[in-house]
Amino acid sequence: MKGLFNNVRGDLTGGLTAGIVALPLALALGVASGVGPMAGLYGAIAVGFFAALLGGTPSQISGPTGPMVVVLAGLFASLSGDLGLIFTAVMLAGLLQIIMGFTGVGQYIRLVPYPVISGFMSGIGAIIIILQLGRLMGHEPPGGTMGALIYLPTALADIDFVTLGLGLGTLIIAYKWPAKLGKIVPGALAALIIGTLVSLSLETPVLGDIPTGLPELHMPVFDQSKALLVFEAAFILAILGAIDSLLTSLVADNMTRTRHDSNKELIGQGVGNTVAGLIGGIAGAGATMRTVVNIRSGGKDRLSGMVHALVLLGIVLGLGPLAAKIPHAVLAGILVKVGLDIIDWSYLKRAHTGPRWDFALMLLVLGLTVFVDLITAVGVGVVLAALAYVKQVAQLQLDEVKKIPDTLQDPEEDALLKLTKGKVQIFSFGGPLSFGAAADLGHHVREKVSRGSSALILDFSRVPAMDVSAAMAVETITSDAKAAGRQVLMCGAVEAVNTVLNNINAHQSGVTVCATRKEALAKAVEMVNQPGKAEGSGSATQHLASV
């Protein structure tokens, strides 16, 4: 494969380092999902290998991530631990991502506004922390965010201080591990090892027996009564995995000065998740921290991601007896760090200096993520952000109506305009006209039409595109003008705009269509100066309104 062996030494070093970093995270996220630590490792191996082999971001490392685990933990609780259906959901999510890649959905996912992404990522971080608080205190809280929150007073009333100390100690080591030592042993792995060694002399719950060796195949299963739940989880996993992966791809692009292929990346992630479900692994996505570690360690090409997966596979074949001794409190401490790292602290620190609406949107999405569900949070956030943008653009278009110059810049056009003796008004529309401005377009024009005018010129020479709503508004303007006895001329419409106007019958009978504004002015002069034409009462003042 092209580029596979261009950076062998760097890719081997990066892949080995990323694999060591991924080990404690895969174990912890597997436990957090409810499926088990080995499922986390199998997911890291499958998604890590195939996303690297077939994906569109050569330096990216993929595996279990916080957002995916939050969804899987909820599904585990809803399905009462039915592993067959859970792995089926993971496979379906992978197939959906493959379809998204082939249909070009990847380019649209990048259009999700930053406050929405920040809000739901921070919400996911908060969920991970909430789910681990009870475990840090030596309890096993019920599944789900609300269940864990409701259980919190019970846990606080009966704290196991040994477990709490072990968990907090693990968290501190993970955060404070010296950077120099981190080049040899990553902080998360050091915290895992030290915490486990300390726990050997303590009475604290551990993972227990863990199977080793190659995974078994898990074929898809179907249960009609739970099909909707499985499909819904698969859809959420596919969307979140796509967003998570493509955000990490952007980070990789910035670090390597390259450009990823969004749709190819989705195909690689989809194949990885499909295989993960088949071998009993949890779903994964592009992992930012592991990708950054890989790049900083010299990894640049897809070989690094494949090496990372093979390192984990080698560990899996003989890890079971050692992993069985890992305490739940140690993994809880590592997961709290994962949650804290996911929260968008950089934006929260600067939010007060930016637009209030964006910050309010971020907080709304965060709240919906924690207390409702992820798909509702993202959906509501995107819709509100889109509506706010449409309103902003529409207001900019409508504000242009207030611009009324006394003369035209072109001397010939200005001379023709003066020959109309103030009986002709020109409305020059600017920019793409869409449904946002359509509702008030007719109202603004009616307000500016002089009672003494006998003709209107609608100039579309600065309009590159128009939707049906705006075209219907134009039809209303022409109908109102003709009903008031005024002549209507249109000019300057490009082919795309002309097509829309014709398709909805905006070019009604009695509307004169001209190629240029100069041609329209010349015809308007003829119209208003025809013998026997009423002069109109009062002194009509010429207006040029730009929309």
Protein backbone atom coordinates (compact mmCIF):
# COMPACT_ATOMS: atom_id res chain seq x y z
CA MET A 1 0.00 0.00 0.00
CA LYS A 2 1.27 3.45 -0.95
CA GLY A 3 3.11 5.20 1.87
CA LEU A 4 3.01 2.18 4.20
CA PHE A 5 6.79 1.86 4.60
CA ASN A 6 7.92 5.47 4.06
CA ASN A 7 8.54 6.09 7.77
CA VAL A 8 9.17 2.66 9.27
CA ARG A 9 11.29 3.64 12.28
CA GLY A 10 9.00 6.52 13.31
CA ASP A 11 5.86 4.46 12.76
CA LEU A 12 7.20 1.54 14.82
CA THR A 13 8.13 3.88 17.68
CA GLY A 14 4.85 5.80 17.48
CA GLY A 15 2.76 2.63 17.25
CA LEU A 16 4.52 0.98 20.19
CA THR A 17 4.12 4.08 22.37
CA ALA A 18 0.47 4.53 21.37
CA GLY A 19 -0.20 0.86 22.14
CA ILE A 20 1.22 1.20 25.66
CA VAL A 21 -0.84 4.37 26.22
CA ALA A 22 -3.96 2.64 24.88
CA LEU A 23 -3.68 -0.38 27.20
CA PRO A 24 -5.04 1.10 30.45
CA LEU A 25 -7.59 3.22 28.58
CA ALA A 26 -8.96 0.23 26.65
CA LEU A 27 -9.26 -1.78 29.88
CA ALA A 28 -10.94 1.09 31.73
CA LEU A 29 -13.34 1.97 28.92
CA GLY A 30 -14.25 -1.69 28.47
CA VAL A 31 -15.20 -1.90 32.15
CA ALA A 32 -17.09 1.41 31.96
CA SER A 33 -19.14 0.13 29.00
CA GLY A 34 -20.35 -2.79 31.12
CA VAL A 35 -19.17 -5.35 28.57
CA GLY A 36 -15.83 -6.04 30.26
CA PRO A 37 -12.12 -5.18 30.05
CA MET A 38 -11.29 -7.67 27.29
CA ALA A 39 -14.06 -6.22 25.11
CA GLY A 40 -12.27 -2.89 25.41
CA LEU A 41 -9.01 -4.47 24.25
CA TYR A 42 -10.66 -6.39 21.39
CA GLY A 43 -12.32 -3.15 20.25
CA ALA A 44 -9.01 -1.30 20.38
CA ILE A 45 -7.36 -4.04 18.29
CA ALA A 46 -10.06 -4.29 15.60
CA VAL A 47 -10.85 -0.59 15.19
CA GLY A 48 -7.20 0.39 15.62
CA PHE A 49 -5.97 -1.98 12.90
CA PHE A 50 -8.65 -1.60 10.23
CA ALA A 51 -9.18 2.15 10.64
CA ALA A 52 -5.42 2.58 10.14
CA LEU A 53 -5.29 0.17 7.19
CA LEU A 54 -8.34 1.53 5.31
CA GLY A 55 -8.96 4.99 6.77
CA GLY A 56 -8.23 8.44 5.39
CA THR A 57 -6.02 9.83 8.19
CA PRO A 58 -2.64 8.02 8.05
CA SER A 59 -1.35 9.18 11.46
CA GLN A 60 -4.58 8.59 13.40
CA ILE A 61 -4.85 6.04 16.23
CA SER A 62 -8.35 4.64 16.78
CA GLY A 63 -9.90 2.67 19.61
CA PRO A 64 -12.54 2.91 22.37
CA THR A 65 -13.37 6.50 23.30
CA GLY A 66 -15.47 8.23 25.94
CA PRO A 67 -18.44 9.16 23.72
CA MET A 68 -18.82 5.62 22.39
CA VAL A 69 -18.58 4.08 25.87
CA VAL A 70 -21.29 6.37 27.24
CA VAL A 71 -23.72 5.10 24.59
CA LEU A 72 -22.69 1.47 25.11
CA ALA A 73 -23.10 1.75 28.89
CA GLY A 74 -26.66 3.00 28.40
CA LEU A 75 -27.37 0.22 25.91
CA PHE A 76 -25.92 -2.39 28.30
CA ALA A 77 -28.31 -1.22 31.02
CA SER A 78 -31.32 -1.11 28.64
CA LEU A 79 -30.65 -4.60 27.28
CA SER A 80 -29.91 -6.09 30.72
CA GLY A 81 -26.44 -7.09 29.60
CA ASP A 82 -27.47 -9.04 26.45
CA LEU A 83 -24.03 -9.17 24.80
CA GLY A 84 -25.33 -10.62 21.53
CA LEU A 85 -27.54 -7.59 20.90
CA ILE A 86 -24.84 -5.16 22.07
CA PHE A 87 -22.28 -6.56 19.61
CA THR A 88 -24.99 -6.50 16.91
CA ALA A 89 -25.44 -2.78 17.56
CA VAL A 90 -21.67 -2.27 17.20
CA MET A 91 -21.69 -4.13 13.86
CA LEU A 92 -24.67 -2.11 12.61
CA ALA A 93 -22.91 1.10 13.62
CA GLY A 94 -19.91 0.03 11.55
CA LEU A 95 -22.08 -0.75 8.52
CA LEU A 96 -23.79 2.64 8.85
CA GLN A 97 -20.39 4.37 8.90
CA ILE A 98 -19.36 2.50 5.75
CA ILE A 99 -22.56 3.70 4.06
CA MET A 100 -21.91 7.25 5.29
CA GLY A 101 -18.43 7.10 3.79
CA PHE A 102 -19.60 5.87 0.38
CA THR A 103 -22.43 8.45 0.25
CA GLY A 104 -20.16 11.38 1.11
CA VAL A 105 -21.66 12.26 4.49
CA GLY A 106 -18.22 12.96 5.95
CA GLN A 107 -17.96 16.41 4.41
CA TYR A 108 -21.19 17.50 6.14
CA ILE A 109 -20.27 16.29 9.63
CA ARG A 110 -17.49 18.88 9.68
CA LEU A 111 -20.16 21.60 9.44
CA VAL A 112 -21.37 21.01 13.02
CA PRO A 113 -20.79 24.34 14.87
CA TYR A 114 -18.05 24.46 17.48
CA PRO A 115 -20.32 25.37 20.45
CA VAL A 116 -22.38 22.25 19.72
CA ILE A 117 -19.29 20.03 19.55
CA SER A 118 -17.87 21.66 22.69
CA GLY A 119 -21.14 21.22 24.56
CA PHE A 120 -21.70 17.55 23.80
CA MET A 121 -18.02 16.61 24.31
CA SER A 122 -18.02 18.40 27.67
CA GLY A 123 -21.31 16.69 28.51
CA ILE A 124 -19.80 13.30 27.71
CA GLY A 125 -16.85 14.12 29.98
CA ALA A 126 -19.27 15.03 32.76
CA ILE A 127 -21.21 11.76 32.27
CA ILE A 128 -18.03 9.67 32.52
CA ILE A 129 -17.08 11.42 35.78
CA ILE A 130 -20.60 11.08 37.24
CA LEU A 131 -20.65 7.35 36.47
CA GLN A 132 -17.33 6.84 38.31
CA LEU A 133 -18.04 8.87 41.47
CA GLY A 134 -19.86 6.00 43.18
CA ARG A 135 -17.09 3.52 42.28
CA LEU A 136 -14.46 5.86 43.71
CA MET A 137 -16.29 5.63 47.03
CA GLY A 138 -16.39 1.83 46.99
CA HIS A 139 -19.93 1.33 45.63
CA GLU A 140 -21.47 -0.02 42.43
CA PRO A 141 -24.04 2.61 41.40
CA PRO A 142 -26.97 1.75 39.12
CA GLY A 143 -26.56 2.27 35.37
CA GLY A 144 -27.33 5.58 33.70
CA THR A 145 -26.42 9.16 34.52
CA MET A 146 -29.55 9.91 36.54
CA GLY A 147 -29.28 6.63 38.43
CA ALA A 148 -25.67 7.42 39.36
CA LEU A 149 -26.61 10.97 40.47
CA ILE A 150 -29.56 9.77 42.55
CA TYR A 151 -27.32 7.13 44.16
CA LEU A 152 -24.62 9.67 45.04
CA PRO A 153 -26.04 10.65 48.50
CA THR A 154 -26.08 6.95 49.45
CA ALA A 155 -22.45 6.59 48.42
CA LEU A 156 -21.47 9.75 50.31
CA ALA A 157 -23.11 8.41 53.47
CA ASP A 158 -20.99 5.25 53.39
CA ILE A 159 -17.57 6.02 51.88
CA ASP A 160 -14.92 3.31 51.69
CA PHE A 161 -11.91 5.54 52.36
CA VAL A 162 -9.41 2.86 51.28
CA THR A 163 -11.03 2.63 47.86
CA LEU A 164 -11.38 6.42 47.67
CA GLY A 165 -7.72 6.92 48.54
CA LEU A 166 -6.66 4.36 45.94
CA GLY A 167 -8.78 5.96 43.22
CA LEU A 168 -7.68 9.51 44.02
CA GLY A 169 -4.05 8.38 44.24
CA THR A 170 -4.35 6.84 40.77
CA LEU A 171 -5.85 10.09 39.45
CA ILE A 172 -3.04 12.18 40.96
CA ILE A 173 -0.33 9.91 39.53
CA ALA A 174 -1.93 10.04 36.08
CA TYR A 175 -1.96 13.86 36.20
CA LYS A 176 1.34 14.54 37.95
CA TRP A 177 3.54 11.87 36.36
CA PRO A 178 6.78 13.65 35.28
CA ALA A 179 7.00 14.44 31.57
CA LYS A 180 10.53 13.01 31.35
CA LEU A 181 9.39 9.67 32.76
CA GLY A 182 6.32 9.85 30.57
CA LYS A 183 8.54 9.33 27.52
CA ILE A 184 9.44 5.91 28.94
CA VAL A 185 6.22 4.94 30.75
CA PRO A 186 3.03 6.98 30.01
CA GLY A 187 1.27 8.49 33.01
CA ALA A 188 -1.91 6.43 32.66
CA LEU A 189 0.06 3.18 32.47
CA ALA A 190 2.22 4.20 35.45
CA ALA A 191 -0.93 4.98 37.46
CA LEU A 192 -2.38 1.58 36.50
CA ILE A 193 0.76 -0.31 37.55
CA ILE A 194 1.41 1.59 40.79
CA GLY A 195 -2.25 1.51 41.82
CA THR A 196 -2.44 -2.23 41.21
CA LEU A 197 0.76 -2.94 43.15
CA VAL A 198 -0.45 -0.86 46.11
CA SER A 199 -3.82 -2.65 46.09
CA LEU A 200 -2.17 -6.06 46.57
CA SER A 201 -1.90 -5.30 50.28
CA LEU A 202 -5.44 -3.86 50.51
CA GLU A 203 -8.93 -5.29 50.55
CA THR A 204 -10.54 -3.73 47.50
CA PRO A 205 -12.70 -5.10 44.61
CA VAL A 206 -10.70 -6.23 41.55
CA LEU A 207 -11.62 -7.24 38.00
CA GLY A 208 -11.29 -10.95 38.72
CA ASP A 209 -10.89 -13.78 36.20
CA ILE A 210 -10.39 -12.58 32.65
CA PRO A 211 -10.22 -14.88 29.60
CA THR A 212 -7.09 -14.72 27.46
CA GLY A 213 -6.28 -15.79 23.95
CA LEU A 214 -7.91 -15.06 20.62
CA PRO A 215 -11.54 -13.81 20.68
CA GLU A 216 -14.56 -15.83 19.63
CA LEU A 217 -16.81 -14.85 16.75
CA HIS A 218 -20.16 -13.24 17.67
CA MET A 219 -22.63 -13.42 14.79
CA PRO A 220 -25.42 -10.82 14.60
CA VAL A 221 -28.64 -11.66 16.43
CA PHE A 222 -32.14 -10.30 15.98
CA ASP A 223 -34.78 -9.71 18.63
CA GLN A 224 -37.92 -8.03 17.29
CA SER A 225 -38.95 -6.71 20.70
CA LYS A 226 -35.63 -4.87 21.10
CA ALA A 227 -34.85 -4.10 17.46
CA LEU A 228 -35.71 -0.39 17.74
CA LEU A 229 -33.43 0.02 20.77
CA VAL A 230 -30.55 -1.69 18.96
CA PHE A 231 -31.00 0.35 15.75
CA GLU A 232 -31.22 3.60 17.69
CA ALA A 233 -28.01 2.82 19.59
CA ALA A 234 -26.27 1.82 16.34
CA PHE A 235 -27.28 5.11 14.71
CA ILE A 236 -26.02 7.15 17.67
CA LEU A 237 -22.76 5.17 17.76
CA ALA A 238 -22.25 5.73 14.03
CA ILE A 239 -22.85 9.50 14.25
CA LEU A 240 -20.79 10.04 17.40
CA GLY A 241 -17.99 7.84 16.10
CA ALA A 242 -17.94 9.82 12.85
CA ILE A 243 -17.83 13.17 14.64
CA ASP A 244 -15.22 11.97 17.14
CA SER A 245 -13.02 10.52 14.40
CA LEU A 246 -13.21 13.51 12.06
CA LEU A 247 -12.46 15.94 14.89
CA THR A 248 -9.35 13.90 15.68
CA SER A 249 -8.51 13.91 11.97
CA LEU A 250 -8.50 17.71 12.04
CA VAL A 251 -6.09 17.63 15.00
CA ALA A 252 -3.84 15.23 13.08
CA ASP A 253 -3.98 17.49 10.02
CA ASN A 254 -2.84 20.48 12.06
CA MET A 255 0.07 18.55 13.57
CA THR A 256 1.29 16.86 10.36
CA ARG A 257 0.35 19.64 7.90
CA THR A 258 -1.60 17.15 5.81
CA ARG A 259 -5.24 16.85 4.73
CA HIS A 260 -7.34 13.82 5.59
CA ASP A 261 -10.01 12.16 3.43
CA SER A 262 -13.24 12.36 5.49
CA ASN A 263 -15.23 9.78 3.55
CA LYS A 264 -12.38 7.29 3.38
CA GLU A 265 -11.87 7.73 7.12
CA LEU A 266 -15.51 6.84 7.76
CA ILE A 267 -15.16 3.70 5.65
CA GLY A 268 -12.09 2.62 7.64
CA GLN A 269 -13.82 3.34 10.95
CA GLY A 270 -16.88 1.45 9.74
CA VAL A 271 -14.91 -1.66 8.80
CA GLY A 272 -13.10 -1.51 12.15
CA ASN A 273 -16.33 -1.28 14.15
CA THR A 274 -17.96 -4.05 12.12
CA VAL A 275 -15.01 -6.37 12.87
CA ALA A 276 -15.00 -5.24 16.51
CA GLY A 277 -18.60 -6.36 16.91
CA LEU A 278 -17.84 -9.69 15.24
CA ILE A 279 -15.00 -10.50 17.67
CA GLY A 280 -16.76 -9.24 20.81
CA GLY A 281 -15.18 -5.81 21.02
CA ILE A 282 -16.75 -2.46 21.88
CA ALA A 283 -17.12 0.34 19.35
CA GLY A 284 -14.33 2.84 18.81
CA ALA A 285 -13.34 5.99 16.96
CA GLY A 286 -10.36 8.22 16.34
CA ALA A 287 -8.74 8.90 19.73
CA THR A 288 -7.22 12.36 20.06
CA MET A 289 -4.77 11.72 22.91
CA ARG A 290 -3.44 8.49 21.41
CA THR A 291 -3.11 10.15 17.99
CA VAL A 292 -1.15 13.06 19.48
CA VAL A 293 1.16 10.60 21.32
CA ASN A 294 1.70 8.68 18.08
CA ILE A 295 2.62 11.79 16.07
CA ARG A 296 4.91 13.18 18.77
CA SER A 297 6.67 9.80 18.95
CA GLY A 298 7.39 9.85 15.20
CA GLY A 299 4.32 8.11 13.75
CA LYS A 300 3.12 9.60 10.47
CA ASP A 301 1.70 6.83 8.30
CA ARG A 302 -0.92 4.09 8.64
CA LEU A 303 1.71 1.55 9.72
CA SER A 304 1.81 3.22 13.15
CA GLY A 305 -1.88 2.55 13.81
CA MET A 306 -1.51 -1.06 12.70
CA VAL A 307 1.53 -1.55 14.96
CA HIS A 308 -0.46 -0.07 17.89
CA ALA A 309 -3.16 -2.70 17.34
CA LEU A 310 -0.66 -5.55 17.03
CA VAL A 311 1.04 -4.48 20.26
CA LEU A 312 -2.31 -4.75 22.04
CA LEU A 313 -2.97 -8.13 20.41
CA GLY A 314 0.37 -9.42 21.74
CA ILE A 315 -0.52 -8.18 25.23
CA VAL A 316 -3.99 -9.78 25.06
CA LEU A 317 -2.55 -13.23 24.41
CA GLY A 318 -0.96 -13.28 27.87
CA LEU A 319 -2.56 -10.45 29.85
CA GLY A 320 -5.42 -12.20 31.64
CA PRO A 321 -3.72 -13.29 34.89
CA LEU A 322 -2.15 -9.85 35.37
CA ALA A 323 -5.25 -7.85 34.45
CA ALA A 324 -7.36 -9.86 36.90
CA LYS A 325 -5.57 -8.09 39.79
CA ILE A 326 -6.47 -4.56 38.61
CA PRO A 327 -8.82 -2.86 41.14
CA HIS A 328 -12.02 -1.14 40.03
CA ALA A 329 -10.93 1.96 41.94
CA VAL A 330 -7.77 2.29 39.85
CA LEU A 331 -9.73 2.10 36.60
CA ALA A 332 -12.25 4.59 38.03
CA GLY A 333 -9.40 7.02 38.73
CA ILE A 334 -8.11 6.66 35.16
CA LEU A 335 -11.65 7.18 33.78
CA VAL A 336 -12.13 10.35 35.83
CA LYS A 337 -8.99 11.69 34.13
CA VAL A 338 -10.44 10.67 30.75
CA GLY A 339 -13.63 12.58 31.59
CA LEU A 340 -11.74 15.65 32.76
CA ASP A 341 -9.63 15.61 29.59
CA ILE A 342 -12.73 15.46 27.36
CA ILE A 343 -14.32 18.57 28.96
CA ASP A 344 -13.53 21.62 26.82
CA TRP A 345 -11.78 23.70 29.48
CA SER A 346 -10.07 25.93 26.90
CA TYR A 347 -13.42 27.19 25.59
CA LEU A 348 -14.98 27.45 29.06
CA LYS A 349 -12.12 29.74 30.17
CA ARG A 350 -12.67 32.06 27.22
CA ALA A 351 -16.46 31.77 26.83
CA HIS A 352 -17.18 35.05 28.65
CA THR A 353 -15.20 36.96 26.01
CA GLY A 354 -17.14 35.56 23.06
CA PRO A 355 -20.76 35.90 21.85
CA ARG A 356 -23.23 35.12 24.64
CA TRP A 357 -25.49 33.18 22.29
CA ASP A 358 -22.71 30.71 21.44
CA PHE A 359 -21.93 30.15 25.12
CA ALA A 360 -25.63 29.69 25.92
CA LEU A 361 -25.87 27.15 23.08
CA MET A 362 -22.86 25.28 24.44
CA LEU A 363 -24.39 25.10 27.94
CA LEU A 364 -27.75 23.98 26.52
CA VAL A 365 -26.13 21.15 24.55
CA LEU A 366 -24.07 20.18 27.60
CA GLY A 367 -27.21 20.00 29.75
CA LEU A 368 -29.15 17.99 27.15
CA THR A 369 -26.23 15.59 26.79
CA VAL A 370 -26.08 14.89 30.52
CA PHE A 371 -29.78 14.88 31.37
CA VAL A 372 -31.55 13.80 28.15
CA ASP A 373 -29.47 11.98 25.51
CA LEU A 374 -26.65 12.60 23.06
CA ILE A 375 -28.60 12.54 19.80
CA THR A 376 -31.19 15.02 21.11
CA ALA A 377 -28.40 17.30 22.31
CA VAL A 378 -26.61 17.36 18.96
CA GLY A 379 -29.86 17.62 16.98
CA VAL A 380 -31.23 20.52 19.01
CA GLY A 381 -27.84 22.25 18.98
CA VAL A 382 -27.42 22.02 15.21
CA VAL A 383 -30.98 23.20 14.52
CA LEU A 384 -30.71 26.19 16.88
CA ALA A 385 -27.29 27.14 15.50
CA ALA A 386 -28.62 26.94 11.94
CA LEU A 387 -31.68 29.05 12.76
CA ALA A 388 -29.51 31.67 14.48
CA TYR A 389 -27.25 31.83 11.43
CA VAL A 390 -30.18 32.12 9.02
CA LYS A 391 -31.67 34.93 11.13
CA GLN A 392 -28.33 36.75 11.18
CA VAL A 393 -27.88 36.49 7.40
CA ALA A 394 -31.51 37.47 6.75
CA GLN A 395 -31.15 40.56 8.92
CA LEU A 396 -28.03 41.58 7.01
CA GLN A 397 -29.94 41.26 3.73
CA LEU A 398 -32.95 43.21 4.97
CA ASP A 399 -30.82 45.95 6.54
CA GLU A 400 -29.61 46.80 3.04
CA VAL A 401 -33.11 48.12 2.27
CA LYS A 402 -32.23 51.27 4.23
CA LYS A 403 -29.52 52.26 1.73
CA ILE A 404 -31.07 54.85 -0.62
CA PRO A 405 -28.50 56.76 -2.71
CA ASP A 406 -29.69 59.80 -4.65
CA THR A 407 -27.91 58.96 -7.90
CA LEU A 408 -26.59 55.96 -9.78
CA GLN A 409 -22.85 55.53 -10.25
CA ASP A 410 -23.08 54.88 -13.99
CA PRO A 411 -23.53 58.28 -15.79
CA GLU A 412 -25.70 56.81 -18.57
CA GLU A 413 -27.96 55.00 -16.11
CA ASP A 414 -28.18 58.12 -13.96
CA ALA A 415 -29.20 60.20 -16.97
CA LEU A 416 -31.93 57.71 -17.89
CA LEU A 417 -33.17 57.67 -14.30
CA LYS A 418 -33.54 61.47 -14.31
CA LEU A 419 -35.63 61.24 -17.50
CA THR A 420 -38.21 59.20 -15.56
CA LYS A 421 -38.95 62.35 -13.48
CA GLY A 422 -39.05 60.41 -10.24
CA LYS A 423 -41.72 57.95 -11.40
CA VAL A 424 -39.43 54.90 -11.40
CA GLN A 425 -37.97 53.14 -8.38
CA ILE A 426 -35.14 50.62 -8.52
CA PHE A 427 -34.76 47.81 -6.01
CA SER A 428 -31.32 46.21 -6.37
CA PHE A 429 -31.21 42.90 -4.52
CA GLY A 430 -27.79 41.75 -3.29
CA GLY A 431 -26.35 38.40 -2.23
CA PRO A 432 -28.05 34.99 -2.18
CA LEU A 433 -31.74 35.33 -1.38
CA SER A 434 -33.17 32.58 0.80
CA PHE A 435 -36.11 31.73 3.03
CA GLY A 436 -34.61 33.68 5.93
CA ALA A 437 -35.22 37.04 4.26
CA ALA A 438 -38.29 35.98 2.25
CA ALA A 439 -40.86 36.59 5.01
CA ASP A 440 -40.02 40.31 5.29
CA LEU A 441 -38.87 41.00 1.73
CA GLY A 442 -42.26 42.10 0.39
CA HIS A 443 -42.96 44.18 3.48
CA HIS A 444 -39.70 46.12 3.12
CA VAL A 445 -40.33 46.83 -0.56
CA ARG A 446 -43.92 47.99 0.04
CA GLU A 447 -42.70 50.41 2.70
CA LYS A 448 -40.33 52.08 0.25
CA VAL A 449 -42.57 52.37 -2.81
CA SER A 450 -43.58 56.02 -3.37
CA ARG A 451 -47.24 56.70 -4.00
CA GLY A 452 -46.39 58.73 -7.11
CA SER A 453 -44.27 56.07 -8.78
CA SER A 454 -45.60 54.33 -11.86
CA ALA A 455 -42.92 51.67 -12.44
CA LEU A 456 -40.62 49.39 -10.44
CA ILE A 457 -37.34 47.90 -11.60
CA LEU A 458 -36.26 44.75 -9.75
CA ASP A 459 -32.52 44.35 -10.31
CA PHE A 460 -31.09 40.86 -9.64
CA SER A 461 -27.62 41.44 -11.13
CA ARG A 462 -25.97 40.95 -7.68
CA VAL A 463 -27.92 37.82 -6.77
CA PRO A 464 -25.96 34.57 -7.41
CA ALA A 465 -28.66 32.22 -6.09
CA MET A 466 -32.27 32.20 -4.91
CA ASP A 467 -34.48 29.61 -3.27
CA VAL A 468 -38.19 29.00 -3.77
CA SER A 469 -39.22 31.01 -0.69
CA ALA A 470 -37.43 34.12 -1.96
CA ALA A 471 -38.86 33.61 -5.45
CA MET A 472 -42.38 33.46 -3.99
CA ALA A 473 -41.66 36.72 -2.15
CA VAL A 474 -40.63 38.29 -5.47
CA GLU A 475 -43.87 37.08 -7.02
CA THR A 476 -45.78 38.79 -4.19
CA ILE A 477 -43.91 42.04 -4.85
CA THR A 478 -44.77 41.96 -8.57
CA SER A 479 -48.43 41.09 -7.86
CA ASP A 480 -48.79 43.99 -5.39
CA ALA A 481 -47.18 46.42 -7.85
CA LYS A 482 -49.44 45.42 -10.75
CA ALA A 483 -52.51 45.55 -8.52
CA ALA A 484 -51.55 49.18 -7.74
CA GLY A 485 -51.32 49.95 -11.49
CA ARG A 486 -47.53 50.04 -11.69
CA GLN A 487 -45.37 48.60 -14.44
CA VAL A 488 -42.81 45.95 -13.31
CA LEU A 489 -39.46 45.31 -14.95
CA MET A 490 -36.90 42.65 -13.99
CA CYS A 491 -33.27 42.70 -15.02
CA GLY A 492 -29.86 41.16 -14.47
CA ALA A 493 -30.92 37.68 -13.31
CA VAL A 494 -28.27 35.00 -13.86
CA GLU A 495 -29.34 31.65 -15.29
CA ALA A 496 -29.72 29.96 -11.88
CA VAL A 497 -31.94 32.75 -10.53
CA ASN A 498 -33.90 32.99 -13.80
CA THR A 499 -34.62 29.25 -13.63
CA VAL A 500 -36.06 29.48 -10.11
CA LEU A 501 -38.17 32.53 -11.00
CA ASN A 502 -39.57 30.80 -14.11
CA ASN A 503 -40.22 27.51 -12.34
CA ILE A 504 -42.56 29.06 -9.78
CA ASN A 505 -44.15 31.48 -12.26
CA ALA A 506 -42.62 34.61 -10.77
CA HIS A 507 -42.29 35.95 -14.34
CA GLN A 508 -45.99 36.61 -14.57
CA SER A 509 -47.74 38.13 -17.57
CA GLY A 510 -47.17 41.85 -17.72
CA VAL A 511 -43.64 41.70 -16.23
CA THR A 512 -41.00 43.01 -18.62
CA VAL A 513 -37.74 41.07 -18.49
CA CYS A 514 -34.50 42.82 -19.50
CA ALA A 515 -30.89 41.67 -19.69
CA THR A 516 -29.34 44.72 -17.99
CA ARG A 517 -30.36 47.58 -15.71
CA LYS A 518 -29.57 50.10 -18.45
CA GLU A 519 -31.97 48.32 -20.80
CA ALA A 520 -34.63 48.26 -18.07
CA LEU A 521 -34.20 52.00 -17.42
CA ALA A 522 -34.54 52.76 -21.13
CA LYS A 523 -37.81 50.81 -21.32
CA ALA A 524 -39.03 52.41 -18.11
CA VAL A 525 -38.44 55.87 -19.62
CA GLU A 526 -40.63 54.90 -22.58
CA MET A 527 -43.35 53.56 -20.29
CA VAL A 528 -43.65 56.55 -17.95
CA ASN A 529 -43.44 59.12 -20.74
CA GLN A 530 -46.09 57.60 -23.02
CA PRO A 531 -48.65 60.18 -24.27
CA GLY A 532 -51.77 60.23 -22.15
CA LYS A 533 -50.05 58.47 -19.28
CA ALA A 534 -51.13 59.81 -15.92
CA GLU A 535 -48.39 61.86 -14.28
CA GLY A 536 -49.25 60.75 -10.81
CA SER A 537 -49.93 63.07 -7.93
CA GLY A 538 -47.25 64.77 -5.86
CA SER A 539 -43.52 64.93 -6.47
CA ALA A 540 -42.23 61.38 -6.54
CA THR A 541 -38.70 60.98 -5.21
CA GLN A 542 -36.46 58.31 -6.74
CA HIS A 543 -35.28 55.63 -4.36
CA LEU A 544 -32.63 52.99 -4.86
CA ALA A 545 -32.98 50.31 -2.25
CA SER A 546 -30.44 47.53 -1.99
CA VAL A 547 -31.59 44.35 -0.36
